[in-house]
């Protein structure tokens, strides 16, 4: 590409090969920045004056006072086709102050993850899998995870998991097989209730796991310890 020289030459030097490559690279970057339409956002997202939110009530037999889980959302790209509602912060309130310290710590950590961005749906699964190793009811963290999962489904970040045709057929076969050998009343069978002695499924978190042919099988999702 010819370059017109409009000033008097007062000196010159021979450019080295690496220097010429650096100049060419700098010119290419400069030209790309001039023609590019991409806008790079470097400013952090500040908390708006008003946030949309939902509150979920958790009632446990361990206390006469319920817990109230409030999740506030921020709306990104409002009014455009790329509008997206994402969780921004979480608060947990109760008159019972027994667990105040760790609940405050948990809310701050979860809020920090929400504001970090990216895929935050893993939080629901991680919290829902926390149970008391000694058994019993104490599953407050799992209840909070259930509330977060419910909220993520409500705003569209989580989709409902549906069984495919093969899985649905397998579940129906297991249910029919169990009904044929069980001694449940006709009323219970008509309602489609799971057996009273069913255990909690680790996959779908439904009390629908019974023993069939020496193998623990879930009548809700078809999960089986025997594969």
Protein backbone atom coordinates (compact mmCIF):
# COMPACT_ATOMS: atom_id res chain seq x y z
CA UNK A 1 0.00 0.00 0.00
CA UNK A 2 1.63 3.29 -1.11
CA UNK A 3 2.03 6.03 1.48
CA UNK A 4 2.29 9.72 0.50
CA UNK A 5 5.17 11.53 2.28
CA UNK A 6 4.17 15.12 3.03
CA UNK A 7 7.21 16.14 5.16
CA UNK A 8 10.89 16.36 4.55
CA UNK A 9 12.89 13.26 5.45
CA UNK A 10 15.46 14.16 8.10
CA UNK A 11 16.67 10.62 8.96
CA UNK A 12 16.04 6.97 8.40
CA UNK A 13 16.89 3.54 9.77
CA UNK A 14 16.30 -0.06 8.73
CA UNK A 15 13.52 -1.71 10.74
CA UNK A 16 14.28 -5.15 12.14
CA UNK A 17 12.03 -8.09 11.32
CA UNK A 18 10.52 -8.41 14.84
CA UNK A 19 9.90 -4.65 15.02
CA UNK A 20 8.08 -4.76 11.69
CA UNK A 21 5.89 -7.60 12.94
CA UNK A 22 5.00 -5.64 16.09
CA UNK A 23 4.06 -2.57 14.02
CA UNK A 24 1.92 -4.71 11.71
CA UNK A 25 0.18 -6.35 14.66
CA UNK A 26 -0.51 -2.96 16.30
CA UNK A 27 -1.94 -1.60 13.06
CA UNK A 28 -4.16 -4.68 12.69
CA UNK A 29 -5.52 -4.30 16.22
CA UNK A 30 -6.16 -0.59 15.67
CA UNK A 31 -7.97 -1.28 12.41
CA UNK A 32 -10.07 -4.02 14.05
CA UNK A 33 -11.10 -1.71 16.89
CA UNK A 34 -12.19 0.95 14.38
CA UNK A 35 -14.39 -1.47 12.40
CA UNK A 36 -15.68 -3.64 15.25
CA UNK A 37 -19.20 -3.14 16.59
CA UNK A 38 -18.56 -5.09 19.82
CA UNK A 39 -18.94 -3.06 23.00
CA UNK A 40 -16.92 -4.33 25.96
CA UNK A 41 -18.60 -3.65 29.31
CA UNK A 42 -16.14 -3.17 32.14
CA UNK A 43 -18.45 -1.55 34.69
CA UNK A 44 -19.77 -3.87 37.42
CA UNK A 45 -23.51 -4.35 37.71
CA UNK A 46 -24.78 -2.09 40.48
CA UNK A 47 -27.81 -2.96 42.58
CA UNK A 48 -30.89 -1.20 41.18
CA UNK A 49 -33.12 0.85 43.45
CA UNK A 50 -35.94 -1.69 43.07
CA UNK A 51 -35.75 -5.45 42.54
CA UNK A 52 -38.46 -7.98 41.78
CA UNK A 53 -38.65 -10.78 44.33
CA UNK A 54 -40.58 -13.72 45.76
CA UNK A 55 -40.85 -15.01 49.31
CA UNK A 56 -41.15 -18.71 50.22
CA UNK A 57 -42.32 -20.01 53.60
CA UNK A 58 -40.53 -22.96 55.24
CA UNK A 59 -42.30 -24.51 58.24
CA UNK A 60 -40.34 -27.09 60.22
CA UNK A 61 -41.39 -29.22 63.22
CA UNK A 62 -38.24 -28.09 65.03
CA UNK A 63 -39.59 -24.62 65.73
CA UNK A 64 -42.94 -22.92 66.11
CA UNK A 65 -41.66 -20.08 63.95
CA UNK A 66 -41.42 -20.47 60.18
CA UNK A 67 -38.52 -19.35 57.98
CA UNK A 68 -39.17 -16.92 55.13
CA UNK A 69 -36.81 -17.13 52.16
CA UNK A 70 -36.86 -14.04 49.93
CA UNK A 71 -35.06 -14.09 46.58
CA UNK A 72 -34.74 -10.82 44.65
CA UNK A 73 -34.08 -10.77 40.92
CA UNK A 74 -32.45 -8.32 38.54
CA UNK A 75 -33.85 -7.92 35.02
CA UNK A 76 -31.15 -7.68 32.34
CA UNK A 77 -31.73 -6.15 28.89
CA UNK A 78 -35.16 -4.93 29.96
CA UNK A 79 -37.61 -4.39 27.12
CA UNK A 80 -35.52 -6.21 24.50
CA UNK A 81 -35.74 -9.66 22.96
CA UNK A 82 -32.77 -10.67 25.15
CA UNK A 83 -34.51 -9.78 28.42
CA UNK A 84 -33.44 -12.13 31.20
CA UNK A 85 -34.42 -12.36 34.85
CA UNK A 86 -31.68 -13.60 37.16
CA UNK A 87 -31.44 -14.02 40.96
CA UNK A 88 -29.43 -11.22 42.56
CA UNK A 89 -29.68 -11.70 46.33
CA UNK A 90 -31.32 -13.85 49.00
CA UNK A 91 -32.56 -13.12 52.52
CA UNK A 92 -33.75 -15.58 55.16
CA UNK A 93 -35.83 -14.25 58.05
CA UNK A 94 -37.38 -15.84 61.14
CA UNK A 95 -38.34 -15.06 64.70
CA UNK A 96 -36.29 -18.08 65.74
CA UNK A 97 -32.70 -16.86 66.27
CA UNK A 98 -31.17 -20.28 67.09
CA UNK A 99 -29.48 -20.61 63.70
CA UNK A 100 -29.03 -16.90 62.96
CA UNK A 101 -25.23 -16.93 62.53
CA UNK A 102 -24.89 -19.68 59.95
CA UNK A 103 -28.05 -18.58 58.12
CA UNK A 104 -26.62 -15.07 57.66
CA UNK A 105 -23.34 -16.57 56.43
CA UNK A 106 -25.23 -18.83 54.00
CA UNK A 107 -27.27 -15.95 52.57
CA UNK A 108 -24.17 -13.84 51.98
CA UNK A 109 -22.38 -16.67 50.19
CA UNK A 110 -25.38 -17.49 48.01
CA UNK A 111 -25.91 -13.80 47.18
CA UNK A 112 -22.23 -13.53 46.17
CA UNK A 113 -22.64 -16.49 43.82
CA UNK A 114 -25.79 -14.95 42.33
CA UNK A 115 -23.99 -11.66 41.64
CA UNK A 116 -20.97 -13.42 40.15
CA UNK A 117 -23.10 -14.49 37.23
CA UNK A 118 -22.83 -17.57 35.08
CA UNK A 119 -24.73 -20.78 35.76
CA UNK A 120 -26.08 -20.63 39.33
CA UNK A 121 -28.52 -23.53 39.03
CA UNK A 122 -26.04 -25.90 40.67
CA UNK A 123 -26.75 -24.22 44.03
CA UNK A 124 -30.20 -25.81 44.26
CA UNK A 125 -28.87 -29.34 43.75
CA UNK A 126 -25.95 -28.84 46.13
CA UNK A 127 -28.19 -27.56 48.94
CA UNK A 128 -30.92 -30.15 48.37
CA UNK A 129 -28.41 -32.96 48.87
CA UNK A 130 -27.47 -31.82 52.41
CA UNK A 131 -29.07 -34.01 55.08
CA UNK A 132 -28.41 -34.81 58.72
CA UNK A 133 -26.07 -37.87 58.80
CA UNK A 134 -27.77 -39.00 62.02
CA UNK A 135 -31.16 -39.13 60.35
CA UNK A 136 -34.31 -37.47 61.59
CA UNK A 137 -36.02 -34.42 60.19
CA UNK A 138 -33.25 -31.86 60.36
CA UNK A 139 -32.93 -30.87 56.70
CA UNK A 140 -33.21 -27.11 56.87
CA UNK A 141 -30.48 -26.56 54.28
CA UNK A 142 -32.25 -28.95 51.90
CA UNK A 143 -35.50 -27.01 52.41
CA UNK A 144 -33.70 -23.79 51.44
CA UNK A 145 -32.38 -25.59 48.37
CA UNK A 146 -35.95 -26.60 47.48
CA UNK A 147 -37.05 -22.95 47.72
CA UNK A 148 -34.20 -21.83 45.46
CA UNK A 149 -35.01 -24.57 42.93
CA UNK A 150 -38.68 -23.58 42.94
CA UNK A 151 -37.69 -19.96 42.28
CA UNK A 152 -35.26 -20.84 39.47
CA UNK A 153 -38.01 -22.83 37.77
CA UNK A 154 -40.43 -19.94 38.21
CA UNK A 155 -38.13 -17.43 36.45
CA UNK A 156 -37.17 -19.95 33.73
CA UNK A 157 -33.54 -20.70 34.59
CA UNK A 158 -34.43 -24.33 35.36
CA UNK A 159 -36.61 -26.45 33.11
CA UNK A 160 -38.87 -29.25 34.29
CA UNK A 161 -37.22 -32.64 33.89
CA UNK A 162 -39.49 -34.99 31.97
CA UNK A 163 -39.00 -38.70 31.39
CA UNK A 164 -38.50 -39.87 27.83
CA UNK A 165 -40.74 -42.57 26.31
CA UNK A 166 -38.46 -45.44 27.34
CA UNK A 167 -38.10 -44.22 30.94
CA UNK A 168 -41.83 -43.59 31.26
CA UNK A 169 -42.56 -47.11 30.02
CA UNK A 170 -40.08 -48.56 32.52
CA UNK A 171 -41.68 -46.66 35.40
CA UNK A 172 -45.15 -47.80 34.37
CA UNK A 173 -43.97 -51.41 34.21
CA UNK A 174 -42.43 -51.16 37.69
CA UNK A 175 -45.61 -49.62 39.08
CA UNK A 176 -47.77 -52.31 37.50
CA UNK A 177 -45.46 -55.05 38.76
CA UNK A 178 -45.56 -53.69 42.29
CA UNK A 179 -49.33 -53.22 42.25
CA UNK A 180 -49.75 -56.85 41.22
CA UNK A 181 -47.83 -58.17 44.22
CA UNK A 182 -48.64 -55.52 46.83
CA UNK A 183 -51.44 -55.66 49.37
CA UNK A 184 -52.44 -52.03 49.14
CA UNK A 185 -56.10 -51.16 49.21
CA UNK A 186 -57.99 -50.33 46.04
CA UNK A 187 -58.45 -46.73 47.19
CA UNK A 188 -54.72 -46.16 47.61
CA UNK A 189 -54.04 -47.70 44.22
CA UNK A 190 -56.68 -45.53 42.59
CA UNK A 191 -55.07 -42.41 44.00
CA UNK A 192 -51.67 -43.42 42.68
CA UNK A 193 -50.08 -42.98 46.12
CA UNK A 194 -46.66 -44.44 46.76
CA UNK A 195 -46.38 -47.15 49.42
CA UNK A 196 -46.41 -45.92 52.99
CA UNK A 197 -43.05 -47.57 53.72
CA UNK A 198 -41.30 -46.18 50.64
CA UNK A 199 -37.89 -44.60 51.13
CA UNK A 200 -36.57 -41.29 49.82
CA UNK A 201 -35.05 -41.44 46.33
CA UNK A 202 -31.63 -39.85 46.08
CA UNK A 203 -32.22 -38.89 42.44
CA UNK A 204 -35.71 -37.35 42.34
CA UNK A 205 -36.08 -36.78 46.11
CA UNK A 206 -39.45 -38.53 46.22
CA UNK A 207 -40.47 -41.10 48.83
CA UNK A 208 -41.08 -43.78 46.23
CA UNK A 209 -38.21 -46.29 46.64
CA UNK A 210 -39.34 -49.85 47.37
CA UNK A 211 -37.64 -53.25 47.18
CA UNK A 212 -38.50 -55.29 44.14
CA UNK A 213 -36.82 -58.58 43.28
CA UNK A 214 -34.14 -57.88 45.88
CA UNK A 215 -33.34 -54.46 44.37
CA UNK A 216 -34.21 -50.96 45.60
CA UNK A 217 -36.24 -49.29 42.82
CA UNK A 218 -37.88 -45.86 42.61
CA UNK A 219 -41.49 -45.92 41.41
CA UNK A 220 -41.35 -42.23 40.50
CA UNK A 221 -38.29 -41.87 38.26
CA UNK A 222 -37.30 -45.52 37.68
CA UNK A 223 -33.88 -45.21 39.31
CA UNK A 224 -32.60 -48.61 40.41
CA UNK A 225 -29.59 -49.70 42.48
CA UNK A 226 -29.22 -52.69 40.17
CA UNK A 227 -28.96 -50.51 37.10
